[in-house]
Amino acid sequence: MTLEETRSDALRLQRQLPGSSHGRVLQLLVAEPDQSRADLARATGFTKATVSALVLDMIEDGLVVETRRRAVDRPGRPAVELNFDWSAWRILAIDLSPAEGFTGAVLDLAGGVHHRIAGFGGPVKGGDAVQAAIDLAHQLSDMVDVGILGVGVSAPGTVDADGVVLESHNLRWSQVPLRDVMLRELQLPVCVENDANLVALAEYALSPEPTDLMAVKLGYGVGGGIVANGQLIHGSRFTAGEIGHIASGDDADAPCVCGRVGCLEATLSLPRLHMRLSGARDAEERAGILDAAGRMLGNALAPVVGALGIEALILTGVNEAIAAPLLAAAREAMRPRLTDDAWKSLDMRVDAMGGDIVLRGALSLVTSGVLGLRVANDRI
């Protein structure tokens, strides 16, 4: 099958699967593997003939595979077990938030990373950043020799439901229709989401049980993604969780890229934070910088945690040496601003997957947007 054919198939699946009978059967196989056609007919209420036709379509599309025949202790033809095919397709995951250059990877549907590119394009902005994102996607697609299901893009800033980056101060973007631009160039399904929101999606999928959580991502800027009652919270203006340009309430007066002073981002964005740490004269001054930054973060987050009943705060984008003192200081700053129960029960931690957490979020975005699936926790 040619790349053009797989592109056409991926766009067709995006139109066909979410919310359809095919999608319903596929979700059942993802949630509970090793089901037969008869099992699926009972679970869905569809006739066996209907299920057989749906399964045949999805086998031809490389989404379902027959695995083994069940052992039987009575006469008759044994049932054939079916499974979702985690290896037949790839997705392209692209993270536009690293300050040193964009990151991209080729993943299978189970989350395995097959190829990776880091630091692509260097620090680019404006139209050059759009072109760099397209070029990175082309380079990744050239590495793939099976079908490409779609492209998941993590963008810093405010992103609407149509994949338009409404505002990204650090990339110098305003009203950039990134999804449509990349769709036109790549002829593949493209899903675009805010970077912190993708971290929140991935963390929620990895949680052993449903949890109201907030992911805080440090990168070019400072962003937050919130999942409550199993739903990613966007807000009517798609700004929910955008904490980077909220004044911290501290005495900080550092100028921000947005033109104001005192924003969290002016102190806690990685370029600013690393610049200050590199200028520290000794370990004591370095510790003081991290303590002050962590307290600023805690002061800003306490009202969000208290108002929304957040159960877990996950910090991502920084290594453990920086994250640990930041979280410790943030937790201490939050103590007098929360009830005792809320403070004691709050789970504050660093994400478990490092830089790959955004890529895993991009995977969830594509499987949801193209196949209509929520991938099982233990798969990503």
Protein backbone atom coordinates (compact mmCIF):
# COMPACT_ATOMS: atom_id res chain seq x y z
CA MET A 1 0.00 0.00 0.00
CA THR A 2 1.38 3.41 -0.95
CA LEU A 3 1.68 6.34 1.42
CA GLU A 4 -1.06 8.10 -0.55
CA GLU A 5 -3.38 5.13 0.00
CA THR A 6 -2.70 5.03 3.75
CA ARG A 7 -3.39 8.78 3.95
CA SER A 8 -6.71 8.28 2.22
CA ASP A 9 -7.56 5.38 4.55
CA ALA A 10 -6.69 7.40 7.67
CA LEU A 11 -8.92 10.29 6.60
CA ARG A 12 -11.72 7.82 5.83
CA LEU A 13 -11.39 6.20 9.27
CA GLN A 14 -11.60 9.62 10.91
CA ARG A 15 -14.90 10.24 9.12
CA GLN A 16 -16.26 6.74 9.69
CA LEU A 17 -15.32 5.47 13.16
CA PRO A 18 -16.06 7.96 15.99
CA GLY A 19 -19.58 7.34 17.26
CA SER A 20 -20.31 4.62 14.67
CA SER A 21 -21.15 0.93 14.97
CA HIS A 22 -17.59 0.15 13.87
CA GLY A 23 -16.26 2.38 16.63
CA ARG A 24 -18.46 0.75 19.25
CA VAL A 25 -17.17 -2.73 18.39
CA LEU A 26 -13.60 -1.47 18.31
CA GLN A 27 -13.92 0.14 21.75
CA LEU A 28 -15.19 -3.15 23.18
CA LEU A 29 -12.13 -4.96 21.85
CA VAL A 30 -9.80 -2.34 23.29
CA ALA A 31 -11.48 -2.51 26.69
CA GLU A 32 -11.73 -6.31 26.79
CA PRO A 33 -9.47 -8.30 24.42
CA ASP A 34 -9.92 -11.87 23.18
CA GLN A 35 -13.61 -11.59 22.30
CA SER A 36 -15.30 -13.63 19.59
CA ARG A 37 -17.83 -12.38 17.08
CA ALA A 38 -20.57 -13.98 19.16
CA ASP A 39 -19.27 -12.21 22.29
CA LEU A 40 -19.40 -8.88 20.48
CA ALA A 41 -22.91 -9.55 19.18
CA ARG A 42 -24.14 -10.22 22.72
CA ALA A 43 -22.40 -7.11 24.09
CA THR A 44 -23.70 -4.76 21.40
CA GLY A 45 -27.10 -6.26 20.64
CA PHE A 46 -26.16 -6.38 16.95
CA THR A 47 -26.89 -9.49 14.90
CA LYS A 48 -24.03 -11.93 14.31
CA ALA A 49 -24.16 -11.10 10.61
CA THR A 50 -23.80 -7.37 11.36
CA VAL A 51 -20.87 -7.96 13.71
CA SER A 52 -19.18 -10.24 11.18
CA ALA A 53 -19.47 -7.53 8.52
CA LEU A 54 -18.13 -4.85 10.87
CA VAL A 55 -15.22 -7.05 11.94
CA LEU A 56 -14.37 -7.89 8.33
CA ASP A 57 -14.19 -4.18 7.49
CA MET A 58 -11.86 -3.54 10.42
CA ILE A 59 -9.63 -6.52 9.63
CA GLU A 60 -9.22 -5.12 6.12
CA ASP A 61 -8.37 -1.73 7.64
CA GLY A 62 -5.68 -3.26 9.86
CA LEU A 63 -7.48 -2.40 13.09
CA VAL A 64 -8.59 -5.88 14.17
CA VAL A 65 -6.72 -9.17 13.99
CA GLU A 66 -7.81 -12.77 14.51
CA THR A 67 -5.59 -14.36 17.14
CA ARG A 68 -6.52 -17.93 18.06
CA ARG A 69 -9.31 -20.47 18.08
CA ARG A 70 -10.83 -21.26 21.44
CA ALA A 71 -10.57 -24.78 22.79
CA VAL A 72 -13.98 -26.48 22.85
CA ASP A 73 -15.27 -29.59 24.56
CA ARG A 74 -18.24 -30.12 22.30
CA PRO A 75 -18.80 -30.68 18.58
CA GLY A 76 -18.80 -27.67 16.35
CA ARG A 77 -16.49 -25.07 14.93
CA PRO A 78 -14.48 -23.29 17.66
CA ALA A 79 -14.88 -19.52 17.96
CA VAL A 80 -12.06 -17.30 16.75
CA GLU A 81 -10.85 -14.67 19.21
CA LEU A 82 -10.35 -11.10 18.02
CA ASN A 83 -8.11 -8.31 19.21
CA PHE A 84 -7.31 -4.72 18.43
CA ASP A 85 -4.15 -4.62 16.31
CA TRP A 86 -1.78 -2.39 18.23
CA SER A 87 1.05 -2.65 15.70
CA ALA A 88 -0.49 -2.14 12.26
CA TRP A 89 -0.60 1.68 12.33
CA ARG A 90 1.69 4.48 13.49
CA ILE A 91 1.01 7.99 14.70
CA LEU A 92 3.27 11.03 14.44
CA ALA A 93 3.58 12.90 17.74
CA ILE A 94 4.99 16.45 17.65
CA ASP A 95 5.75 18.70 20.61
CA LEU A 96 6.21 22.39 19.76
CA SER A 97 6.84 23.51 23.34
CA PRO A 98 10.60 22.82 23.93
CA ALA A 99 12.54 26.09 23.85
CA GLU A 100 15.60 24.47 22.24
CA GLY A 101 13.69 23.13 19.22
CA PHE A 102 10.72 20.95 18.39
CA THR A 103 10.50 17.26 19.28
CA GLY A 104 8.81 14.54 17.29
CA ALA A 105 8.40 10.78 17.40
CA VAL A 106 6.81 7.88 15.58
CA LEU A 107 4.70 5.74 17.94
CA ASP A 108 2.70 2.59 17.54
CA LEU A 109 -0.79 2.50 19.01
CA ALA A 110 0.43 0.82 22.20
CA GLY A 111 2.77 3.75 22.90
CA GLY A 112 6.03 2.19 21.71
CA VAL A 113 8.45 4.77 20.31
CA HIS A 114 9.98 3.64 17.00
CA HIS A 115 11.77 6.81 15.90
CA ARG A 116 12.54 10.11 17.57
CA ILE A 117 13.81 13.56 16.50
CA ALA A 118 14.75 16.22 19.08
CA GLY A 119 15.85 19.83 18.83
CA PHE A 120 14.39 20.21 15.34
CA GLY A 121 14.61 23.66 13.78
CA GLY A 122 16.17 25.36 16.80
CA PRO A 123 14.44 28.36 18.44
CA VAL A 124 12.01 29.46 15.68
CA LYS A 125 9.00 31.75 15.78
CA GLY A 126 6.20 33.04 13.58
CA GLY A 127 5.89 31.63 10.09
CA ASP A 128 9.24 29.86 10.43
CA ALA A 129 7.80 27.87 13.35
CA VAL A 130 4.81 26.77 11.27
CA GLN A 131 7.10 25.60 8.47
CA ALA A 132 9.38 23.81 10.94
CA ALA A 133 6.40 21.88 12.32
CA ILE A 134 5.44 20.82 8.80
CA ASP A 135 9.03 19.85 7.92
CA LEU A 136 9.33 17.80 11.10
CA ALA A 137 6.11 15.93 10.27
CA HIS A 138 7.44 15.16 6.78
CA GLN A 139 10.73 13.84 8.19
CA LEU A 140 8.88 11.60 10.62
CA SER A 141 6.52 10.30 7.93
CA ASP A 142 9.52 9.35 5.79
CA MET A 143 10.61 6.98 8.59
CA VAL A 144 7.35 5.00 8.52
CA ASP A 145 6.78 1.93 6.35
CA VAL A 146 3.24 1.10 7.55
CA GLY A 147 0.03 3.11 7.69
CA ILE A 148 0.03 6.49 9.46
CA LEU A 149 -3.17 6.98 11.43
CA GLY A 150 -2.68 10.69 12.10
CA VAL A 151 -0.61 13.47 13.60
CA GLY A 152 -0.94 14.66 17.19
CA VAL A 153 0.48 18.13 17.80
CA SER A 154 1.23 19.66 21.19
CA ALA A 155 1.29 23.46 21.00
CA PRO A 156 2.12 26.00 23.70
CA GLY A 157 -0.61 28.59 24.13
CA THR A 158 -4.37 28.70 23.67
CA VAL A 159 -5.81 26.20 21.17
CA ASP A 160 -9.48 26.03 20.17
CA ALA A 161 -11.60 23.03 19.16
CA ASP A 162 -10.73 23.53 15.48
CA GLY A 163 -6.99 23.31 16.05
CA VAL A 164 -6.45 27.07 15.73
CA VAL A 165 -3.69 28.41 17.96
CA LEU A 166 -5.46 31.51 19.19
CA GLU A 167 -2.43 32.89 21.00
CA SER A 168 1.09 31.66 21.67
CA HIS A 169 3.31 34.45 22.94
CA ASN A 170 6.47 32.37 22.80
CA LEU A 171 5.98 31.24 19.20
CA ARG A 172 4.70 34.70 18.19
CA TRP A 173 1.49 33.13 16.90
CA SER A 174 -1.97 34.64 16.85
CA GLN A 175 -4.96 32.98 15.14
CA VAL A 176 -2.79 30.38 13.39
CA PRO A 177 -5.01 27.63 11.84
CA LEU A 178 -2.38 25.00 12.52
CA ARG A 179 -4.58 21.94 12.07
CA ASP A 180 -5.86 23.03 8.67
CA VAL A 181 -2.41 24.12 7.47
CA MET A 182 -0.85 20.78 8.42
CA LEU A 183 -3.81 18.78 7.08
CA ARG A 184 -3.44 20.52 3.73
CA GLU A 185 0.31 19.83 3.63
CA LEU A 186 0.27 16.25 4.94
CA GLN A 187 -3.12 14.91 3.80
CA LEU A 188 -3.41 13.09 7.13
CA PRO A 189 -5.74 13.56 10.10
CA VAL A 190 -4.24 16.24 12.36
CA CYS A 191 -5.23 16.86 15.98
CA VAL A 192 -3.86 19.90 17.83
CA GLU A 193 -4.08 20.54 21.56
CA ASN A 194 -2.42 22.68 24.21
CA ASP A 195 0.72 21.01 25.60
CA ALA A 196 -0.34 21.02 29.25
CA ASN A 197 -3.72 19.59 28.31
CA LEU A 198 -1.97 16.67 26.63
CA VAL A 199 0.03 16.00 29.78
CA ALA A 200 -3.21 15.99 31.77
CA LEU A 201 -4.81 13.56 29.30
CA ALA A 202 -1.86 11.18 29.47
CA GLU A 203 -1.68 11.35 33.27
CA TYR A 204 -5.39 10.67 33.56
CA ALA A 205 -5.10 7.63 31.27
CA LEU A 206 -2.24 6.33 33.43
CA SER A 207 -4.09 6.81 36.72
CA PRO A 208 -5.19 3.52 38.31
CA GLU A 209 -8.55 5.06 39.17
CA PRO A 210 -10.47 8.20 38.14
CA THR A 211 -8.82 11.28 39.64
CA ASP A 212 -9.46 15.01 39.35
CA LEU A 213 -6.04 16.31 38.47
CA MET A 214 -4.05 19.26 37.20
CA ALA A 215 -0.86 18.96 35.20
CA VAL A 216 1.53 21.93 35.33
CA LYS A 217 4.01 22.06 32.47
CA LEU A 218 7.13 24.20 32.50
CA GLY A 219 8.63 24.92 29.10
CA TYR A 220 8.70 28.01 26.91
CA GLY A 221 5.95 29.15 29.26
CA VAL A 222 3.92 27.83 32.17
CA GLY A 223 0.69 26.03 31.41
CA GLY A 224 -1.88 23.92 33.22
CA GLY A 225 -4.20 21.17 32.06
CA ILE A 226 -7.20 20.14 34.17
CA VAL A 227 -9.20 16.92 34.09
CA ALA A 228 -12.36 16.88 36.23
CA ASN A 229 -15.00 14.15 36.28
CA GLY A 230 -13.12 12.41 33.49
CA GLN A 231 -13.31 15.40 31.16
CA LEU A 232 -10.59 17.73 29.95
CA ILE A 233 -11.65 21.25 30.94
CA HIS A 234 -11.22 23.85 28.18
CA GLY A 235 -13.53 26.69 29.16
CA SER A 236 -15.62 28.71 26.72
CA ARG A 237 -12.53 30.64 25.57
CA PHE A 238 -10.20 27.61 25.72
CA THR A 239 -8.13 29.28 28.44
CA ALA A 240 -8.85 26.95 31.36
CA GLY A 241 -5.57 26.08 33.08
CA GLU A 242 -3.66 28.94 31.45
CA ILE A 243 -1.82 30.07 34.55
CA GLY A 244 1.36 31.41 32.95
CA HIS A 245 0.13 34.99 32.65
CA ILE A 246 -1.60 35.21 35.99
CA ALA A 247 0.10 37.60 38.38
CA SER A 248 1.46 35.51 41.23
CA GLY A 249 0.63 38.01 43.97
CA ASP A 250 4.27 37.99 45.08
CA ASP A 251 6.73 40.83 44.85
CA ALA A 252 8.11 39.55 41.54
CA ASP A 253 8.52 42.31 38.99
CA ALA A 254 10.25 40.45 36.14
CA PRO A 255 9.01 41.55 32.69
CA CYS A 256 7.06 38.92 30.74
CA VAL A 257 6.85 38.29 26.98
CA CYS A 258 3.18 39.32 27.15
CA GLY A 259 4.23 42.86 28.10
CA ARG A 260 3.17 42.72 31.75
CA VAL A 261 5.26 42.16 34.86
CA GLY A 262 4.97 39.65 37.66
CA CYS A 263 3.51 36.78 35.61
CA LEU A 264 4.35 33.26 36.69
CA GLU A 265 5.93 32.66 33.31
CA ALA A 266 8.38 35.52 33.80
CA THR A 267 9.94 33.58 36.67
CA LEU A 268 9.09 29.93 36.04
CA SER A 269 9.48 29.44 32.29
CA LEU A 270 12.47 27.19 31.73
CA PRO A 271 14.58 29.75 29.83
CA ARG A 272 14.09 32.29 32.65
CA LEU A 273 14.56 29.73 35.43
CA HIS A 274 17.70 28.22 33.91
CA MET A 275 19.15 31.66 33.31
CA ARG A 276 18.73 32.57 36.97
CA LEU A 277 20.07 29.23 38.18
CA SER A 278 23.14 29.46 35.94
CA GLY A 279 23.94 32.82 37.50
CA ALA A 280 23.77 31.51 41.06
CA ARG A 281 27.05 31.92 42.96
CA ASP A 282 26.71 28.78 45.06
CA ALA A 283 24.37 25.96 46.09
CA GLU A 284 22.73 28.10 48.76
CA GLU A 285 21.75 30.79 46.28
CA ARG A 286 20.52 28.15 43.85
CA ALA A 287 18.35 26.63 46.59
CA GLY A 288 16.96 30.08 47.39
CA ILE A 289 16.00 30.66 43.76
CA LEU A 290 14.12 27.35 43.58
CA ASP A 291 12.44 27.94 46.93
CA ALA A 292 11.18 31.38 45.88
CA ALA A 293 9.98 30.05 42.51
CA GLY A 294 8.23 27.10 44.16
CA ARG A 295 6.44 29.34 46.65
CA MET A 296 5.28 31.57 43.83
CA LEU A 297 3.90 28.50 42.07
CA GLY A 298 2.15 27.28 45.22
CA ASN A 299 0.57 30.68 45.87
CA ALA A 300 -0.88 30.70 42.36
CA LEU A 301 -2.12 27.11 42.43
CA ALA A 302 -3.75 27.06 45.89
CA PRO A 303 -6.99 28.82 44.80
CA VAL A 304 -7.33 26.47 41.80
CA VAL A 305 -6.84 23.38 43.96
CA GLY A 306 -9.26 24.63 46.58
CA ALA A 307 -11.96 25.77 44.17
CA LEU A 308 -11.94 22.67 41.94
CA GLY A 309 -11.16 20.02 44.54
CA ILE A 310 -8.06 18.89 42.68
CA GLU A 311 -6.73 15.60 44.06
CA ALA A 312 -3.40 15.43 42.21
CA LEU A 313 -0.91 18.02 40.94
CA ILE A 314 1.65 16.75 38.46
CA LEU A 315 4.69 18.80 37.47
CA THR A 316 6.33 18.09 34.13
CA GLY A 317 9.01 19.59 31.91
CA VAL A 318 11.84 19.67 34.47
CA ASN A 319 14.24 17.10 35.86
CA GLU A 320 14.04 15.74 39.38
CA ALA A 321 16.84 17.97 40.69
CA ILE A 322 14.74 21.05 39.92
CA ALA A 323 11.28 19.55 40.35
CA ALA A 324 11.77 18.19 43.88
CA PRO A 325 12.64 21.53 45.56
CA LEU A 326 10.02 23.35 43.48
CA LEU A 327 7.29 20.96 44.61
CA ALA A 328 8.43 21.02 48.23
CA ALA A 329 8.31 24.82 48.34
CA ALA A 330 4.99 24.93 46.46
CA ARG A 331 3.43 22.45 48.88
CA GLU A 332 4.58 24.47 51.89
CA ALA A 333 3.23 27.69 50.39
CA MET A 334 -0.15 26.06 49.81
CA ARG A 335 -0.51 24.82 53.38
CA PRO A 336 -2.05 27.95 54.93
CA ARG A 337 -4.22 28.52 51.85
CA LEU A 338 -6.04 25.15 51.88
CA THR A 339 -8.08 23.22 54.40
CA ASP A 340 -6.11 20.63 56.35
CA ASP A 341 -7.90 17.76 54.59
CA ALA A 342 -7.30 19.20 51.13
CA TRP A 343 -3.64 19.88 51.84
CA LYS A 344 -2.88 16.52 53.45
CA SER A 345 -4.63 14.48 50.77
CA LEU A 346 -3.17 16.41 47.82
CA ASP A 347 -0.90 14.20 45.72
CA MET A 348 1.94 16.34 44.34
CA ARG A 349 4.47 14.61 42.11
CA VAL A 350 6.66 14.74 39.04
CA ASP A 351 5.27 12.96 35.99
CA ALA A 352 6.50 9.41 35.64
CA MET A 353 7.46 9.52 31.98
CA GLY A 354 9.64 12.59 31.56
CA GLY A 355 9.57 14.18 28.11
CA ASP A 356 7.58 11.30 26.65
CA ILE A 357 4.46 12.26 28.58
CA VAL A 358 3.54 14.85 25.93
CA LEU A 359 4.08 12.30 23.15
CA ARG A 360 1.78 9.85 24.95
CA GLY A 361 -0.80 12.59 25.26
CA ALA A 362 -0.55 13.16 21.50
CA LEU A 363 -1.18 9.45 21.00
CA SER A 364 -4.36 9.62 23.11
CA LEU A 365 -5.44 12.68 21.13
CA VAL A 366 -5.14 10.87 17.80
CA THR A 367 -6.73 7.58 18.90
CA SER A 368 -9.63 9.57 20.31
CA GLY A 369 -9.96 11.98 17.40
CA VAL A 370 -9.52 9.46 14.57
CA LEU A 371 -10.80 6.18 16.01
CA GLY A 372 -13.10 7.50 18.72
CA LEU A 373 -11.22 5.40 21.28
CA ARG A 374 -10.08 5.91 24.80
CA VAL A 375 -7.03 3.65 24.97
CA ALA A 376 -6.82 1.38 28.02
CA ASN A 377 -4.62 2.68 30.84
CA ASP A 378 -2.09 -0.13 30.73
CA ARG A 379 -1.49 0.38 27.04
CA ILE A 380 -0.09 3.90 27.25
